[in-house]
Amino acid sequence: MYKVGIGFDIHALVEGPILKIGGVEIPHSKGFIGHSDADVLVHAIMDAILGALALGDIGQHFPDTSSYCKNVNSLKLLSHVKKLADEKGFTVSNLDCIVMAEKPQISS
C-alpha cells in the first residue's frame, strides 16, 4: 500500500543565523529564523511523512513553545519522525522536494 504526504515549510531569511538546508550548512550572510535550526527542507520532509501517516504536522510534535526544540538540529527531530514511521511499519520509498529561493544559489 502506498501513502502520500505533502510537506511544506517556510521561514524568513534574516541576517545572523547559520543557513541550513537539508542538514547542510551553506555559507551565506543570512539564515532562516525559527525556534529550531529552521531547516526548511528537513521540516518539509518531516511534515510529508507525518501527513502520510495521518499523525498531524510538525507543529503538533515539535511546538515552538517547547524548550526541547529550541535551537535543536532538525535532523534530530527527523530521527524521531523516522521512529514513528518505523513503529507504523512505514518505509519511505520515494521523495521529491523542491527548494524555492532566489538566493543563495544552492545548485553547486
PDB file of N, CA and C in Angstrom:
ATOM      1  N   MET A   1       0.833  -1.167   0.000  1.00  0.00           N
ATOM      2  CA  MET A   1       0.000   0.000   0.000  1.00  0.00           C
ATOM      3  C   MET A   1       0.887   1.243   0.000  1.00  0.00           C
ATOM      4  N   TYR A   2       0.486   2.224  -0.782  1.00  0.00           N
ATOM      5  CA  TYR A   2       1.232   3.473  -0.853  1.00  0.00           C
ATOM      6  C   TYR A   2       0.490   4.559  -0.104  1.00  0.00           C
ATOM      7  N   LYS A   3       1.231   5.370   0.576  1.00  0.00           N
ATOM      8  CA  LYS A   3       0.675   6.536   1.252  1.00  0.00           C
ATOM      9  C   LYS A   3       1.439   7.744   0.752  1.00  0.00           C
ATOM     10  N   VAL A   4       0.744   8.834   0.573  1.00  0.00           N
ATOM     11  CA  VAL A   4       1.368  10.045   0.056  1.00  0.00           C
ATOM     12  C   VAL A   4       1.167  11.167   1.061  1.00  0.00           C
ATOM     13  N   GLY A   5       2.228  11.888   1.310  1.00  0.00           N
ATOM     14  CA  GLY A   5       2.146  13.066   2.159  1.00  0.00           C
ATOM     15  C   GLY A   5       2.795  14.227   1.442  1.00  0.00           C
ATOM     16  N   ILE A   6       2.278  15.405   1.683  1.00  0.00           N
ATOM     17  CA  ILE A   6       2.864  16.608   1.112  1.00  0.00           C
ATOM     18  C   ILE A   6       3.341  17.480   2.261  1.00  0.00           C
ATOM     19  N   GLY A   7       4.609  17.840   2.221  1.00  0.00           N
ATOM     20  CA  GLY A   7       5.166  18.688   3.267  1.00  0.00           C
ATOM     21  C   GLY A   7       5.497  20.063   2.722  1.00  0.00           C
ATOM     22  N   PHE A   8       5.402  21.047   3.592  1.00  0.00           N
ATOM     23  CA  PHE A   8       5.680  22.421   3.206  1.00  0.00           C
ATOM     24  C   PHE A   8       6.230  23.138   4.427  1.00  0.00           C
ATOM     25  N   ASP A   9       7.187  24.007   4.211  1.00  0.00           N
ATOM     26  CA  ASP A   9       7.703  24.802   5.310  1.00  0.00           C
ATOM     27  C   ASP A   9       8.269  26.102   4.757  1.00  0.00           C
ATOM     28  N   ILE A  10       8.200  27.136   5.545  1.00  0.00           N
ATOM     29  CA  ILE A  10       8.724  28.434   5.135  1.00  0.00           C
ATOM     30  C   ILE A  10       9.249  29.164   6.368  1.00  0.00           C
ATOM     31  N   HIS A  11      10.395  29.794   6.221  1.00  0.00           N
ATOM     32  CA  HIS A  11      10.983  30.617   7.277  1.00  0.00           C
ATOM     33  C   HIS A  11      11.563  31.866   6.635  1.00  0.00           C
ATOM     34  N   ALA A  12      11.568  32.949   7.383  1.00  0.00           N
ATOM     35  CA  ALA A  12      12.152  34.194   6.882  1.00  0.00           C
ATOM     36  C   ALA A  12      13.676  34.079   6.864  1.00  0.00           C
ATOM     37  N   LEU A  13      14.286  34.681   5.867  1.00  0.00           N
ATOM     38  CA  LEU A  13      15.739  34.735   5.726  1.00  0.00           C
ATOM     39  C   LEU A  13      16.207  36.067   6.308  1.00  0.00           C
ATOM     40  N   VAL A  14      17.049  36.003   7.347  1.00  0.00           N
ATOM     41  CA  VAL A  14      17.494  37.211   8.046  1.00  0.00           C
ATOM     42  C   VAL A  14      18.991  37.172   8.295  1.00  0.00           C
ATOM     43  N   GLU A  15      19.553  38.325   8.586  1.00  0.00           N
ATOM     44  CA  GLU A  15      20.977  38.411   8.937  1.00  0.00           C
ATOM     45  C   GLU A  15      21.235  37.653  10.230  1.00  0.00           C
ATOM     46  N   GLY A  16      22.312  36.898  10.264  1.00  0.00           N
ATOM     47  CA  GLY A  16      22.748  36.312  11.521  1.00  0.00           C
ATOM     48  C   GLY A  16      22.775  34.815  11.628  1.00  0.00           C
ATOM     49  N   PRO A  17      21.594  34.146  11.582  1.00  0.00           N
ATOM     50  CA  PRO A  17      21.623  32.699  11.823  1.00  0.00           C
ATOM     51  C   PRO A  17      22.397  31.940  10.753  1.00  0.00           C
ATOM     52  N   ILE A  18      22.849  30.747  11.111  1.00  0.00           N
ATOM     53  CA  ILE A  18      23.503  29.857  10.155  1.00  0.00           C
ATOM     54  C   ILE A  18      22.435  29.317   9.213  1.00  0.00           C
ATOM     55  N   LEU A  19      22.728  29.307   7.930  1.00  0.00           N
ATOM     56  CA  LEU A  19      21.796  28.794   6.930  1.00  0.00           C
ATOM     57  C   LEU A  19      22.010  27.301   6.764  1.00  0.00           C
ATOM     58  N   LYS A  20      20.952  26.527   7.028  1.00  0.00           N
ATOM     59  CA  LYS A  20      20.987  25.079   6.845  1.00  0.00           C
ATOM     60  C   LYS A  20      19.848  24.678   5.939  1.00  0.00           C
ATOM     61  N   ILE A  21      20.170  23.862   4.954  1.00  0.00           N
ATOM     62  CA  ILE A  21      19.153  23.288   4.086  1.00  0.00           C
ATOM     63  C   ILE A  21      19.484  21.808   3.920  1.00  0.00           C
ATOM     64  N   GLY A  22      18.587  20.966   4.367  1.00  0.00           N
ATOM     65  CA  GLY A  22      18.812  19.525   4.284  1.00  0.00           C
ATOM     66  C   GLY A  22      19.935  19.040   5.181  1.00  0.00           C
ATOM     67  N   GLY A  23      20.153  19.747   6.290  1.00  0.00           N
ATOM     68  CA  GLY A  23      21.201  19.373   7.224  1.00  0.00           C
ATOM     69  C   GLY A  23      22.577  19.874   6.840  1.00  0.00           C
ATOM     70  N   VAL A  24      22.658  20.579   5.719  1.00  0.00           N
ATOM     71  CA  VAL A  24      23.939  21.074   5.219  1.00  0.00           C
ATOM     72  C   VAL A  24      24.043  22.574   5.499  1.00  0.00           C
ATOM     73  N   GLU A  25      25.137  22.983   6.131  1.00  0.00           N
ATOM     74  CA  GLU A  25      25.378  24.406   6.344  1.00  0.00           C
ATOM     75  C   GLU A  25      25.850  25.021   5.042  1.00  0.00           C
ATOM     76  N   ILE A  26      25.190  26.107   4.664  1.00  0.00           N
ATOM     77  CA  ILE A  26      25.510  26.784   3.408  1.00  0.00           C
ATOM     78  C   ILE A  26      26.086  28.155   3.747  1.00  0.00           C
ATOM     79  N   PRO A  27      27.304  28.433   3.281  1.00  0.00           N
ATOM     80  CA  PRO A  27      27.913  29.732   3.577  1.00  0.00           C
ATOM     81  C   PRO A  27      27.092  30.875   2.981  1.00  0.00           C
ATOM     82  N   HIS A  28      26.604  31.740   3.840  1.00  0.00           N
ATOM     83  CA  HIS A  28      25.800  32.875   3.399  1.00  0.00           C
ATOM     84  C   HIS A  28      25.677  33.847   4.572  1.00  0.00           C
ATOM     85  N   SER A  29      25.483  35.112   4.267  1.00  0.00           N
ATOM     86  CA  SER A  29      25.368  36.116   5.327  1.00  0.00           C
ATOM     87  C   SER A  29      24.029  36.049   6.056  1.00  0.00           C
ATOM     88  N   LYS A  30      23.066  35.341   5.482  1.00  0.00           N
ATOM     89  CA  LYS A  30      21.745  35.226   6.099  1.00  0.00           C
ATOM     90  C   LYS A  30      21.411  33.767   6.362  1.00  0.00           C
ATOM     91  N   GLY A  31      20.470  33.582   7.268  1.00  0.00           N
ATOM     92  CA  GLY A  31      19.989  32.241   7.570  1.00  0.00           C
ATOM     93  C   GLY A  31      18.510  32.307   7.899  1.00  0.00           C
ATOM     94  N   PHE A  32      17.890  31.160   8.038  1.00  0.00           N
ATOM     95  CA  PHE A  32      16.469  31.110   8.357  1.00  0.00           C
ATOM     96  C   PHE A  32      16.272  31.294   9.849  1.00  0.00           C
ATOM     97  N   ILE A  33      15.262  32.058  10.199  1.00  0.00           N
ATOM     98  CA  ILE A  33      14.952  32.262  11.607  1.00  0.00           C
ATOM     99  C   ILE A  33      13.821  31.313  11.996  1.00  0.00           C
ATOM    100  N   GLY A  34      13.961  30.718  13.170  1.00  0.00           N
ATOM    101  CA  GLY A  34      12.937  29.813  13.663  1.00  0.00           C
ATOM    102  C   GLY A  34      13.272  29.362  15.062  1.00  0.00           C
ATOM    103  N   HIS A  35      12.372  28.599  15.654  1.00  0.00           N
ATOM    104  CA  HIS A  35      12.577  28.118  17.024  1.00  0.00           C
ATOM    105  C   HIS A  35      13.678  27.058  17.071  1.00  0.00           C
ATOM    106  N   SER A  36      13.685  26.178  16.063  1.00  0.00           N
ATOM    107  CA  SER A  36      14.754  25.178  15.957  1.00  0.00           C
ATOM    108  C   SER A  36      15.837  25.775  15.064  1.00  0.00           C
ATOM    109  N   ASP A  37      16.551  24.939  14.317  1.00  0.00           N
ATOM    110  CA  ASP A  37      17.543  25.483  13.380  1.00  0.00           C
ATOM    111  C   ASP A  37      16.898  25.966  12.084  1.00  0.00           C
ATOM    112  N   ALA A  38      15.578  25.830  11.978  1.00  0.00           N
ATOM    113  CA  ALA A  38      14.780  26.347  10.857  1.00  0.00           C
ATOM    114  C   ALA A  38      15.181  25.763   9.502  1.00  0.00           C
ATOM    115  N   ASP A  39      15.563  24.513   9.485  1.00  0.00           N
ATOM    116  CA  ASP A  39      15.950  23.838   8.241  1.00  0.00           C
ATOM    117  C   ASP A  39      14.680  23.518   7.450  1.00  0.00           C
ATOM    118  N   VAL A  40      14.349  24.365   6.493  1.00  0.00           N
ATOM    119  CA  VAL A  40      13.081  24.251   5.775  1.00  0.00           C
ATOM    120  C   VAL A  40      12.923  22.928   5.024  1.00  0.00           C
ATOM    121  N   LEU A  41      14.000  22.398   4.484  1.00  0.00           N
ATOM    122  CA  LEU A  41      13.907  21.148   3.735  1.00  0.00           C
ATOM    123  C   LEU A  41      13.600  19.972   4.662  1.00  0.00           C
ATOM    124  N   VAL A  42      14.312  19.883   5.761  1.00  0.00           N
ATOM    125  CA  VAL A  42      14.058  18.790   6.713  1.00  0.00           C
ATOM    126  C   VAL A  42      12.659  18.920   7.304  1.00  0.00           C
ATOM    127  N   HIS A  43      12.226  20.144   7.586  1.00  0.00           N
ATOM    128  CA  HIS A  43      10.879  20.352   8.133  1.00  0.00           C
ATOM    129  C   HIS A  43       9.814  19.894   7.138  1.00  0.00           C
ATOM    130  N   ALA A  44       9.994  20.210   5.866  1.00  0.00           N
ATOM    131  CA  ALA A  44       9.025  19.787   4.852  1.00  0.00           C
ATOM    132  C   ALA A  44       8.985  18.267   4.726  1.00  0.00           C
ATOM    133  N   ILE A  45      10.145  17.631   4.806  1.00  0.00           N
ATOM    134  CA  ILE A  45      10.200  16.164   4.745  1.00  0.00           C
ATOM    135  C   ILE A  45       9.464  15.553   5.942  1.00  0.00           C
ATOM    136  N   MET A  46       9.720  16.089   7.129  1.00  0.00           N
ATOM    137  CA  MET A  46       9.029  15.577   8.322  1.00  0.00           C
ATOM    138  C   MET A  46       7.523  15.748   8.185  1.00  0.00           C
ATOM    139  N   ASP A  47       7.103  16.904   7.707  1.00  0.00           N
ATOM    140  CA  ASP A  47       5.683  17.185   7.542  1.00  0.00           C
ATOM    141  C   ASP A  47       5.039  16.216   6.553  1.00  0.00           C
ATOM    142  N   ALA A  48       5.752  15.889   5.466  1.00  0.00           N
ATOM    143  CA  ALA A  48       5.228  14.950   4.473  1.00  0.00           C
ATOM    144  C   ALA A  48       5.063  13.551   5.077  1.00  0.00           C
ATOM    145  N   ILE A  49       6.054  13.118   5.828  1.00  0.00           N
ATOM    146  CA  ILE A  49       5.978  11.782   6.445  1.00  0.00           C
ATOM    147  C   ILE A  49       4.852  11.726   7.464  1.00  0.00           C
ATOM    148  N   LEU A  50       4.768  12.727   8.325  1.00  0.00           N
ATOM    149  CA  LEU A  50       3.699  12.764   9.330  1.00  0.00           C
ATOM    150  C   LEU A  50       2.334  12.808   8.660  1.00  0.00           C
ATOM    151  N   GLY A  51       2.216  13.575   7.571  1.00  0.00           N
ATOM    152  CA  GLY A  51       0.950  13.650   6.855  1.00  0.00           C
ATOM    153  C   GLY A  51       0.559  12.327   6.231  1.00  0.00           C
ATOM    154  N   ALA A  52       1.520  11.632   5.649  1.00  0.00           N
ATOM    155  CA  ALA A  52       1.237  10.329   5.041  1.00  0.00           C
ATOM    156  C   ALA A  52       0.750   9.329   6.083  1.00  0.00           C
ATOM    157  N   LEU A  53       1.219   9.482   7.298  1.00  0.00           N
ATOM    158  CA  LEU A  53       0.835   8.568   8.376  1.00  0.00           C
ATOM    159  C   LEU A  53      -0.370   9.055   9.168  1.00  0.00           C
ATOM    160  N   ALA A  54      -0.933  10.191   8.760  1.00  0.00           N
ATOM    161  CA  ALA A  54      -2.072  10.800   9.468  1.00  0.00           C
ATOM    162  C   ALA A  54      -1.741  11.070  10.939  1.00  0.00           C
ATOM    163  N   LEU A  55      -0.520  11.561  11.169  1.00  0.00           N
ATOM    164  CA  LEU A  55      -0.067  11.844  12.536  1.00  0.00           C
ATOM    165  C   LEU A  55       0.053  13.342  12.810  1.00  0.00           C
ATOM    166  N   GLY A  56      -0.689  14.142  12.081  1.00  0.00           N
ATOM    167  CA  GLY A  56      -0.640  15.578  12.319  1.00  0.00           C
ATOM    168  C   GLY A  56       0.508  16.228  11.572  1.00  0.00           C
ATOM    169  N   ASP A  57       1.041  17.297  12.159  1.00  0.00           N
ATOM    170  CA  ASP A  57       2.128  18.011  11.499  1.00  0.00           C
ATOM    171  C   ASP A  57       3.256  18.291  12.496  1.00  0.00           C
ATOM    172  N   ILE A  58       4.320  18.898  12.015  1.00  0.00           N
ATOM    173  CA  ILE A  58       5.482  19.101  12.886  1.00  0.00           C
ATOM    174  C   ILE A  58       5.181  20.060  14.033  1.00  0.00           C
ATOM    175  N   GLY A  59       4.253  20.973  13.827  1.00  0.00           N
ATOM    176  CA  GLY A  59       3.880  21.893  14.897  1.00  0.00           C
ATOM    177  C   GLY A  59       3.255  21.180  16.084  1.00  0.00           C
ATOM    178  N   GLN A  60       2.559  20.100  15.826  1.00  0.00           N
ATOM    179  CA  GLN A  60       1.961  19.317  16.904  1.00  0.00           C
ATOM    180  C   GLN A  60       3.021  18.504  17.653  1.00  0.00           C
ATOM    181  N   HIS A  61       3.979  17.976  16.916  1.00  0.00           N
ATOM    182  CA  HIS A  61       5.008  17.137  17.527  1.00  0.00           C
ATOM    183  C   HIS A  61       6.149  17.949  18.131  1.00  0.00           C
ATOM    184  N   PHE A  62       6.444  19.083  17.525  1.00  0.00           N
ATOM    185  CA  PHE A  62       7.579  19.904  17.960  1.00  0.00           C
ATOM    186  C   PHE A  62       7.148  21.372  18.050  1.00  0.00           C
ATOM    187  N   PRO A  63       6.332  21.719  19.046  1.00  0.00           N
ATOM    188  CA  PRO A  63       5.808  23.084  19.138  1.00  0.00           C
ATOM    189  C   PRO A  63       6.904  24.110  19.428  1.00  0.00           C
ATOM    190  N   ASP A  64       6.673  25.329  18.945  1.00  0.00           N
ATOM    191  CA  ASP A  64       7.668  26.381  19.168  1.00  0.00           C
ATOM    192  C   ASP A  64       7.662  26.896  20.606  1.00  0.00           C
ATOM    193  N   THR A  65       6.836  26.305  21.439  1.00  0.00           N
ATOM    194  CA  THR A  65       6.837  26.627  22.877  1.00  0.00           C
ATOM    195  C   THR A  65       7.692  25.642  23.671  1.00  0.00           C
ATOM    196  N   SER A  66       8.203  24.614  23.007  1.00  0.00           N
ATOM    197  CA  SER A  66       8.979  23.569  23.672  1.00  0.00           C
ATOM    198  C   SER A  66      10.438  23.984  23.849  1.00  0.00           C
ATOM    199  N   SER A  67      10.932  23.895  25.071  1.00  0.00           N
ATOM    200  CA  SER A  67      12.348  24.199  25.304  1.00  0.00           C
ATOM    201  C   SER A  67      13.237  23.136  24.653  1.00  0.00           C
ATOM    202  N   TYR A  68      12.727  21.913  24.508  1.00  0.00           N
ATOM    203  CA  TYR A  68      13.481  20.835  23.856  1.00  0.00           C
ATOM    204  C   TYR A  68      13.811  21.199  22.403  1.00  0.00           C
ATOM    205  N   CYS A  69      12.881  21.878  21.757  1.00  0.00           N
ATOM    206  CA  CYS A  69      13.044  22.194  20.334  1.00  0.00           C
ATOM    207  C   CYS A  69      13.854  23.458  20.086  1.00  0.00           C
ATOM    208  N   LYS A  70      14.138  24.236  21.116  1.00  0.00           N
ATOM    209  CA  LYS A  70      14.853  25.493  20.942  1.00  0.00           C
ATOM    210  C   LYS A  70      16.243  25.234  20.382  1.00  0.00           C
ATOM    211  N   ASN A  71      16.517  25.764  19.195  1.00  0.00           N
ATOM    212  CA  ASN A  71      17.809  25.656  18.504  1.00  0.00           C
ATOM    213  C   ASN A  71      18.239  24.221  18.198  1.00  0.00           C
ATOM    214  N   VAL A  72      17.326  23.265  18.262  1.00  0.00           N
ATOM    215  CA  VAL A  72      17.678  21.864  18.026  1.00  0.00           C
ATOM    216  C   VAL A  72      17.990  21.638  16.546  1.00  0.00           C
ATOM    217  N   ASN A  73      18.899  20.720  16.279  1.00  0.00           N
ATOM    218  CA  ASN A  73      19.210  20.299  14.917  1.00  0.00           C
ATOM    219  C   ASN A  73      17.995  19.536  14.383  1.00  0.00           C
ATOM    220  N   SER A  74      17.462  19.975  13.260  1.00  0.00           N
ATOM    221  CA  SER A  74      16.259  19.358  12.700  1.00  0.00           C
ATOM    222  C   SER A  74      16.454  17.893  12.333  1.00  0.00           C
ATOM    223  N   LEU A  75      17.697  17.479  12.080  1.00  0.00           N
ATOM    224  CA  LEU A  75      17.939  16.059  11.794  1.00  0.00           C
ATOM    225  C   LEU A  75      17.622  15.201  13.017  1.00  0.00           C
ATOM    226  N   LYS A  76      17.771  15.760  14.212  1.00  0.00           N
ATOM    227  CA  LYS A  76      17.393  15.045  15.438  1.00  0.00           C
ATOM    228  C   LYS A  76      15.874  14.863  15.483  1.00  0.00           C
ATOM    229  N   LEU A  77      15.144  15.883  15.063  1.00  0.00           N
ATOM    230  CA  LEU A  77      13.690  15.782  15.011  1.00  0.00           C
ATOM    231  C   LEU A  77      13.258  14.780  13.939  1.00  0.00           C
ATOM    232  N   LEU A  78      13.957  14.777  12.807  1.00  0.00           N
ATOM    233  CA  LEU A  78      13.661  13.821  11.740  1.00  0.00           C
ATOM    234  C   LEU A  78      13.868  12.389  12.220  1.00  0.00           C
ATOM    235  N   SER A  79      14.854  12.188  13.062  1.00  0.00           N
ATOM    236  CA  SER A  79      15.102  10.864  13.628  1.00  0.00           C
ATOM    237  C   SER A  79      13.890  10.393  14.439  1.00  0.00           C
ATOM    238  N   HIS A  80      13.278  11.313  15.166  1.00  0.00           N
ATOM    239  CA  HIS A  80      12.074  10.977  15.938  1.00  0.00           C
ATOM    240  C   HIS A  80      10.919  10.615  14.997  1.00  0.00           C
ATOM    241  N   VAL A  81      10.768  11.378  13.909  1.00  0.00           N
ATOM    242  CA  VAL A  81       9.713  11.091  12.933  1.00  0.00           C
ATOM    243  C   VAL A  81       9.951   9.736  12.288  1.00  0.00           C
ATOM    244  N   LYS A  82      11.207   9.406  12.008  1.00  0.00           N
ATOM    245  CA  LYS A  82      11.524   8.085  11.451  1.00  0.00           C
ATOM    246  C   LYS A  82      11.114   6.981  12.408  1.00  0.00           C
ATOM    247  N   LYS A  83      11.333   7.197  13.696  1.00  0.00           N
ATOM    248  CA  LYS A  83      10.937   6.205  14.698  1.00  0.00           C
ATOM    249  C   LYS A  83       9.417   6.003  14.675  1.00  0.00           C
ATOM    250  N   LEU A  84       8.671   7.093  14.550  1.00  0.00           N
ATOM    251  CA  LEU A  84       7.208   6.977  14.459  1.00  0.00           C
ATOM    252  C   LEU A  84       6.805   6.192  13.213  1.00  0.00           C
ATOM    253  N   ALA A  85       7.486   6.463  12.093  1.00  0.00           N
ATOM    254  CA  ALA A  85       7.196   5.742  10.851  1.00  0.00           C
ATOM    255  C   ALA A  85       7.523   4.260  11.001  1.00  0.00           C
ATOM    256  N   ASP A  86       8.670   3.958  11.613  1.00  0.00           N
ATOM    257  CA  ASP A  86       9.067   2.563  11.830  1.00  0.00           C
ATOM    258  C   ASP A  86       8.026   1.827  12.669  1.00  0.00           C
ATOM    259  N   GLU A  87       7.525   2.496  13.699  1.00  0.00           N
ATOM    260  CA  GLU A  87       6.523   1.873  14.580  1.00  0.00           C
ATOM    261  C   GLU A  87       5.245   1.521  13.833  1.00  0.00           C
ATOM    262  N   LYS A  88       4.937   2.267  12.782  1.00  0.00           N
ATOM    263  CA  LYS A  88       3.740   2.000  11.978  1.00  0.00           C
ATOM    264  C   LYS A  88       4.047   1.090  10.798  1.00  0.00           C
ATOM    265  N   GLY A  89       5.303   0.630  10.675  1.00  0.00           N
ATOM    266  CA  GLY A  89       5.676  -0.242   9.572  1.00  0.00           C
ATOM    267  C   GLY A  89       5.779   0.492   8.242  1.00  0.00           C
ATOM    268  N   PHE A  90       6.019   1.777   8.296  1.00  0.00           N
ATOM    269  CA  PHE A  90       6.063   2.626   7.113  1.00  0.00           C
ATOM    270  C   PHE A  90       7.501   2.801   6.646  1.00  0.00           C
ATOM    271  N   THR A  91       7.701   2.711   5.331  1.00  0.00           N
ATOM    272  CA  THR A  91       9.005   2.939   4.735  1.00  0.00           C
ATOM    273  C   THR A  91       8.874   4.001   3.658  1.00  0.00           C
ATOM    274  N   VAL A  92       9.754   4.982   3.684  1.00  0.00           N
ATOM    275  CA  VAL A  92       9.780   5.984   2.626  1.00  0.00           C
ATOM    276  C   VAL A  92      10.512   5.375   1.440  1.00  0.00           C
ATOM    277  N   SER A  93       9.824   5.289   0.298  1.00  0.00           N
ATOM    278  CA  SER A  93      10.464   4.695  -0.874  1.00  0.00           C
ATOM    279  C   SER A  93      10.850   5.739  -1.912  1.00  0.00           C
ATOM    280  N   ASN A  94      10.103   6.809  -1.996  1.00  0.00           N
ATOM    281  CA  ASN A  94      10.394   7.886  -2.945  1.00  0.00           C
ATOM    282  C   ASN A  94      10.061   9.219  -2.295  1.00  0.00           C
ATOM    283  N   LEU A  95      10.876  10.209  -2.635  1.00  0.00           N
ATOM    284  CA  LEU A  95      10.656  11.530  -2.062  1.00  0.00           C
ATOM    285  C   LEU A  95      11.159  12.579  -3.035  1.00  0.00           C
ATOM    286  N   ASP A  96      10.295  13.480  -3.426  1.00  0.00           N
ATOM    287  CA  ASP A  96      10.683  14.612  -4.263  1.00  0.00           C
ATOM    288  C   ASP A  96      10.538  15.876  -3.434  1.00  0.00           C
ATOM    289  N   CYS A  97      11.513  16.755  -3.523  1.00  0.00           N
ATOM    290  CA  CYS A  97      11.485  18.006  -2.777  1.00  0.00           C
ATOM    291  C   CYS A  97      11.870  19.155  -3.687  1.00  0.00           C
ATOM    292  N   ILE A  98      11.255  20.287  -3.449  1.00  0.00           N
ATOM    293  CA  ILE A  98      11.568  21.499  -4.196  1.00  0.00           C
ATOM    294  C   ILE A  98      11.948  22.574  -3.190  1.00  0.00           C
ATOM    295  N   VAL A  99      13.101  23.177  -3.389  1.00  0.00           N
ATOM    296  CA  VAL A  99      13.520  24.322  -2.578  1.00  0.00           C
ATOM    297  C   VAL A  99      13.405  25.546  -3.473  1.00  0.00           C
ATOM    298  N   MET A 100      12.600  26.494  -3.044  1.00  0.00           N
ATOM    299  CA  MET A 100      12.398  27.723  -3.820  1.00  0.00           C
ATOM    300  C   MET A 100      13.101  28.873  -3.106  1.00  0.00           C
ATOM    301  N   ALA A 101      14.132  29.402  -3.727  1.00  0.00           N
ATOM    302  CA  ALA A 101      14.884  30.503  -3.130  1.00  0.00           C
ATOM    303  C   ALA A 101      15.598  31.285  -4.223  1.00  0.00           C
ATOM    304  N   GLU A 102      15.536  32.600  -4.133  1.00  0.00           N
ATOM    305  CA  GLU A 102      16.302  33.417  -5.081  1.00  0.00           C
ATOM    306  C   GLU A 102      17.781  33.359  -4.750  1.00  0.00           C
ATOM    307  N   LYS A 103      18.094  33.438  -3.475  1.00  0.00           N
ATOM    308  CA  LYS A 103      19.470  33.399  -3.003  1.00  0.00           C
ATOM    309  C   LYS A 103      19.499  32.643  -1.704  1.00  0.00           C
ATOM    310  N   PRO A 104      20.568  31.996  -1.362  1.00  0.00           N
ATOM    311  CA  PRO A 104      21.759  31.795  -2.168  1.00  0.00           C
ATOM    312  C   PRO A 104      21.519  30.720  -3.217  1.00  0.00           C
ATOM    313  N   GLN A 105      22.349  30.705  -4.222  1.00  0.00           N
ATOM    314  CA  GLN A 105      22.279  29.651  -5.227  1.00  0.00           C
ATOM    315  C   GLN A 105      22.837  28.395  -4.587  1.00  0.00           C
ATOM    316  N   ILE A 106      22.062  27.324  -4.591  1.00  0.00           N
ATOM    317  CA  ILE A 106      22.491  26.101  -3.903  1.00  0.00           C
ATOM    318  C   ILE A 106      22.782  24.952  -4.864  1.00  0.00           C
ATOM    319  N   SER A 107      22.718  25.192  -6.158  1.00  0.00           N
ATOM    320  CA  SER A 107      22.871  24.102  -7.115  1.00  0.00           C
ATOM    321  C   SER A 107      24.264  23.466  -7.087  1.00  0.00           C
ATOM    322  N   SER A 108      25.280  24.210  -6.724  1.00  0.00           N
ATOM    323  CA  SER A 108      26.613  23.615  -6.718  1.00  0.00           C
ATOM    324  C   SER A 108      26.824  22.807  -5.457  1.00  0.00           C
TER     325      SER A 108
END
